[in-house]
């Protein structure tokens, strides 16, 4: 499921999250509950390919190695 669709479902159920950006909300929910929301995609990249850094920010793995 696309992160926008996912975030809208959460916002419909929990209106207190309406001020959060869709991508930020989806990332936080997936980080907190990775098994339950493993099907959420970010810009057509499945969440399994998104990595969390030590400072709790997200990054995509390098594609094709370092140049």
Protein backbone atom coordinates (compact mmCIF):
# COMPACT_ATOMS: atom_id res chain seq x y z
CA UNK A 1 0.00 0.00 0.00
CA UNK A 2 1.28 3.49 -0.82
CA UNK A 3 2.22 5.61 2.21
CA UNK A 4 -0.35 8.30 1.27
CA UNK A 5 -3.22 5.80 1.33
CA UNK A 6 -1.91 4.33 4.58
CA UNK A 7 -1.60 7.73 6.28
CA UNK A 8 -5.10 8.77 5.18
CA UNK A 9 -6.55 5.61 6.75
CA UNK A 10 -4.78 6.40 10.00
CA UNK A 11 -5.95 10.03 9.92
CA UNK A 12 -9.55 8.94 9.29
CA UNK A 13 -9.42 6.68 12.33
CA UNK A 14 -7.30 9.02 14.52
CA UNK A 15 -8.03 12.68 13.62
CA UNK A 16 -5.44 13.92 16.12
CA UNK A 17 -2.81 13.05 13.48
CA UNK A 18 -4.33 15.31 10.80
CA UNK A 19 -1.57 17.97 11.13
CA UNK A 20 1.23 15.48 10.42
CA UNK A 21 2.66 15.08 6.95
CA UNK A 22 1.51 11.80 5.36
CA UNK A 23 5.04 10.52 4.77
CA UNK A 24 6.18 11.40 8.30
CA UNK A 25 3.15 9.72 9.86
CA UNK A 26 3.56 6.58 7.76
CA UNK A 27 7.29 6.37 8.54
CA UNK A 28 6.66 6.69 12.27
CA UNK A 29 3.93 4.04 12.27
CA UNK A 30 6.01 1.61 10.20
CA UNK A 31 9.07 2.19 12.41
CA UNK A 32 7.01 1.51 15.53
CA UNK A 33 5.12 -1.51 14.11
CA UNK A 34 7.32 -2.97 11.32
CA UNK A 35 5.70 -6.43 11.17
CA UNK A 36 2.14 -5.11 11.03
CA UNK A 37 2.84 -2.53 8.31
CA UNK A 38 5.53 -4.20 6.19
CA UNK A 39 3.41 -3.74 3.05
CA UNK A 40 3.60 0.09 3.14
CA UNK A 41 5.68 1.53 0.29
CA UNK A 42 7.48 4.85 0.06
CA UNK A 43 7.91 6.21 -3.48
CA UNK A 44 7.43 2.69 -4.87
CA UNK A 45 10.15 1.25 -2.61
CA UNK A 46 8.92 -1.44 -0.19
CA UNK A 47 9.56 -0.62 3.47
CA UNK A 48 11.94 -3.59 3.75
CA UNK A 49 14.38 -1.50 1.67
CA UNK A 50 14.15 1.56 3.94
CA UNK A 51 16.73 1.64 6.70
CA UNK A 52 16.54 3.58 9.95
CA UNK A 53 19.70 5.42 11.00
CA UNK A 54 20.92 5.82 14.57
CA UNK A 55 19.28 9.24 14.88
CA UNK A 56 15.90 7.67 13.92
CA UNK A 57 15.86 9.25 10.47
CA UNK A 58 15.26 7.16 7.38
CA UNK A 59 17.44 6.55 4.36
CA UNK A 60 17.23 4.44 1.26
CA UNK A 61 20.05 1.99 0.58
CA UNK A 62 22.50 2.87 -2.17
CA UNK A 63 21.45 1.63 -5.57
CA UNK A 64 24.27 0.17 -7.62
CA UNK A 65 27.04 0.88 -5.10
CA UNK A 66 29.18 3.92 -4.45
CA UNK A 67 30.52 5.88 -7.42
